[in-house]
Protein backbone atom coordinates (compact mmCIF):
# COMPACT_ATOMS: atom_id res chain seq x y z
CA UNK A 1 17.33 4.28 9.79
CA UNK A 2 20.71 2.56 8.99
CA UNK A 3 21.09 -0.64 5.78
CA UNK A 4 22.22 -2.60 9.32
CA UNK A 5 18.74 -1.57 11.63
CA UNK A 6 16.59 -2.78 8.40
CA UNK A 7 17.92 -5.55 7.79
CA UNK A 8 17.80 -6.67 11.61
CA UNK A 9 13.84 -5.13 11.15
CA UNK A 10 13.31 -7.45 8.24
CA UNK A 11 14.73 -10.63 9.65
CA UNK A 12 12.06 -9.64 13.51
CA UNK A 13 9.02 -9.54 10.12
CA UNK A 14 9.26 -5.04 10.14
CA UNK A 15 9.29 -3.32 7.74
CA UNK A 16 7.77 0.55 6.14
CA UNK A 17 5.76 1.06 4.11
CA UNK A 18 5.46 3.87 2.06
CA UNK A 19 1.62 4.75 0.45
CA UNK A 20 1.24 5.13 -2.92
CA UNK A 21 -2.89 3.43 -3.15
CA UNK A 22 -5.31 4.59 -0.25
CA UNK A 23 -7.79 1.34 0.52
CA UNK A 24 -10.75 2.19 -2.14
CA UNK A 25 -9.92 4.10 -4.54
CA UNK A 26 -9.21 2.82 -8.28
CA UNK A 27 -6.51 5.02 -8.82
CA UNK A 28 -3.04 3.94 -9.10
CA UNK A 29 0.08 6.15 -8.42
CA UNK A 30 3.73 5.70 -8.73
CA UNK A 31 6.55 7.16 -5.81
CA UNK A 32 9.88 8.08 -8.89
CA UNK A 33 12.35 8.23 -7.33
CA UNK A 34 12.55 11.48 -5.01
CA UNK A 35 9.33 10.48 -3.61
CA UNK A 36 7.18 12.15 -5.69
CA UNK A 37 4.10 10.78 -6.43
CA UNK A 38 2.46 10.71 -9.89
CA UNK A 39 -0.47 9.87 -10.94
CA UNK A 40 -0.22 6.17 -13.01
CA UNK A 41 -3.38 5.35 -13.88
CA UNK A 42 -7.07 3.63 -13.58
CA UNK A 43 -7.54 0.84 -12.27
CA UNK A 44 -10.03 -0.68 -14.99
CA UNK A 45 -11.19 -3.02 -12.61
CA UNK A 46 -14.63 -3.36 -10.78
CA UNK A 47 -12.89 -2.75 -7.08
CA UNK A 48 -10.51 -0.19 -5.32
CA UNK A 49 -7.56 -1.54 -3.03
CA UNK A 50 -9.00 -3.58 -0.48
CA UNK A 51 -5.53 -2.40 1.56
CA UNK A 52 -3.26 0.71 1.58
CA UNK A 53 -0.71 -0.15 -0.67
CA UNK A 54 2.16 0.75 -1.44
CA UNK A 55 5.83 -0.44 -0.89
CA UNK A 56 8.37 -1.64 1.54
CA UNK A 57 11.60 0.81 2.26
CA UNK A 58 14.52 -1.08 1.46
CA UNK A 59 13.58 -4.01 -0.12
CA UNK A 60 13.94 -5.17 -3.71
CA UNK A 61 10.91 -6.98 -5.29
CA UNK A 62 11.16 -9.91 -8.39
CA UNK A 63 10.02 -6.53 -10.67
CA UNK A 64 13.31 -5.01 -10.21
CA UNK A 65 11.42 -2.21 -8.29
CA UNK A 66 10.79 -1.74 -4.46
CA UNK A 67 8.84 -4.46 -2.81
CA UNK A 68 5.43 -4.78 -2.85
CA UNK A 69 2.83 -4.25 0.12
CA UNK A 70 -0.89 -4.25 1.35
CA UNK A 71 -1.74 -2.92 4.27
CA UNK A 72 -4.86 -4.71 5.52
CA UNK A 73 -6.41 -1.27 7.04
CA UNK A 74 -9.97 -0.45 8.29
CA UNK A 75 -9.47 3.17 7.10
CA UNK A 76 -7.16 4.09 3.98
CA UNK A 77 -4.95 7.09 4.25
CA UNK A 78 -2.78 8.77 2.22
CA UNK A 79 -0.31 9.24 -0.36
CA UNK A 80 3.11 9.80 1.29
CA UNK A 81 2.30 7.73 4.51
CA UNK A 82 4.35 6.39 5.99
CA UNK A 83 3.66 3.05 8.45
CA UNK A 84 5.29 0.63 10.56
CA UNK A 85 4.15 -3.07 9.71
CA UNK A 86 4.11 -6.62 10.66
CA UNK A 87 4.59 -9.09 8.49
CA UNK A 88 1.02 -12.36 8.50
CA UNK A 89 2.37 -13.32 4.61
CA UNK A 90 1.41 -12.57 1.10
CA UNK A 91 0.58 -13.71 -2.71
CA UNK A 92 2.49 -14.80 -5.13
CA UNK A 93 1.82 -13.74 -8.98
CA UNK A 94 2.58 -14.13 -12.22
CA UNK A 95 2.19 -11.03 -14.21
CA UNK A 96 2.49 -11.02 -17.65
CA UNK A 97 5.74 -13.27 -17.65
CA UNK A 98 6.84 -11.72 -14.18
CA UNK A 99 6.76 -13.23 -10.66
CA UNK A 100 5.49 -11.60 -8.31
CA UNK A 101 5.12 -10.83 -4.74
CA UNK A 102 2.92 -8.23 -2.56
CA UNK A 103 3.60 -8.19 1.26
CA UNK A 104 0.32 -9.26 3.08
CA UNK A 105 0.81 -6.63 6.07
CA UNK A 106 -0.22 -4.75 8.80
CA UNK A 107 -0.03 -1.51 10.56
CA UNK A 108 2.30 -1.41 14.06
CA UNK A 109 -0.46 1.05 15.13
CA UNK A 110 -3.07 -0.54 14.71
CA UNK A 111 -4.17 -2.75 18.08
CA UNK A 112 -7.25 -3.79 16.58
CA UNK A 113 -5.07 -5.91 14.45
CA UNK A 114 -3.26 -7.31 16.80
CA UNK A 115 -4.56 -10.78 17.30
CA UNK A 116 -3.30 -10.62 12.91
CA UNK A 117 -0.14 -13.01 13.07
CA UNK A 118 0.42 -14.84 10.27
CA UNK A 119 -1.84 -14.96 6.79
CA UNK A 120 -3.88 -17.98 7.58
CA UNK A 121 -5.56 -15.81 10.65
CA UNK A 122 -7.53 -14.18 7.96
CA UNK A 123 -10.64 -15.67 8.15
CA UNK A 124 -11.16 -16.97 4.01
CA UNK A 125 -13.47 -15.08 2.82
CA UNK A 126 -10.93 -12.32 3.14
CA UNK A 127 -7.54 -14.31 1.75
CA UNK A 128 -9.78 -15.72 -1.35
CA UNK A 129 -11.53 -11.88 -2.21
CA UNK A 130 -7.70 -10.56 -1.77
CA UNK A 131 -6.61 -13.26 -4.65
CA UNK A 132 -9.72 -12.21 -5.84
CA UNK A 133 -8.83 -8.64 -5.98
CA UNK A 134 -5.44 -9.66 -6.88
CA UNK A 135 -6.10 -11.79 -10.11
CA UNK A 136 -8.50 -9.59 -11.52
CA UNK A 137 -7.27 -5.28 -10.80
CA UNK A 138 -5.32 -5.45 -14.33
CA UNK A 139 -8.61 -7.24 -15.84
CA UNK A 140 -8.94 -4.44 -18.48
CA UNK A 141 -4.72 -4.10 -19.65
CA UNK A 142 -3.19 -6.16 -21.63
CA UNK A 143 -1.30 -8.30 -18.19
CA UNK A 144 -1.99 -11.60 -17.73
CA UNK A 145 -2.50 -11.64 -13.75
CA UNK A 146 -3.00 -15.13 -11.61
CA UNK A 147 -1.61 -16.15 -8.42
CA UNK A 148 0.35 -18.71 -7.42
CA UNK A 149 0.43 -19.23 -4.20
CA UNK A 150 -0.38 -18.10 -0.14
CA UNK A 151 2.67 -17.38 1.33
CA UNK A 152 2.36 -17.55 4.89
CA UNK A 153 4.59 -15.11 7.92
CA UNK A 154 7.84 -16.78 7.61
CA UNK A 155 7.20 -17.29 3.60
CA UNK A 156 7.07 -13.74 3.55
CA UNK A 157 10.19 -13.23 5.50
CA UNK A 158 11.96 -14.60 3.54
CA UNK A 159 10.99 -12.62 -0.03
CA UNK A 160 11.50 -9.85 2.37
CA UNK A 161 14.62 -10.29 3.75
CA UNK A 162 15.73 -11.69 0.21
CA UNK A 163 16.82 -15.07 1.45
């Protein structure tokens, strides 16, 4: 995909996510610049990831790495899978002294999520669970995490496009 085509996709709220961590896993993996996936660490908290977690191709996060995304999917895939996704929102976090955004996306090919177009389409309890996960997922590390804000679809697309 060309950079211009990718930029058009991002402006439309679509992106490609590379899965690093499958739903339910407590193992944290990282892809290096060559695309090789490495075991990074085991999460110390009480819960696994609530969706497939990875990064968006062609979008930078505030921390200098690729922009993070949580794919809301019922069944986990596996590290290295590329998924075409739609942005529905995001979470603005403070991780130690770094501000980070985690996009919330749904797979375009999963028609169980066709009705989800914005974070407000999720049940309040589901959003609270996501906030609780992000607050707790680094609880045994030396970094404090605070959930600062929920981002609606338009705000999350602005992060994706860097505008």
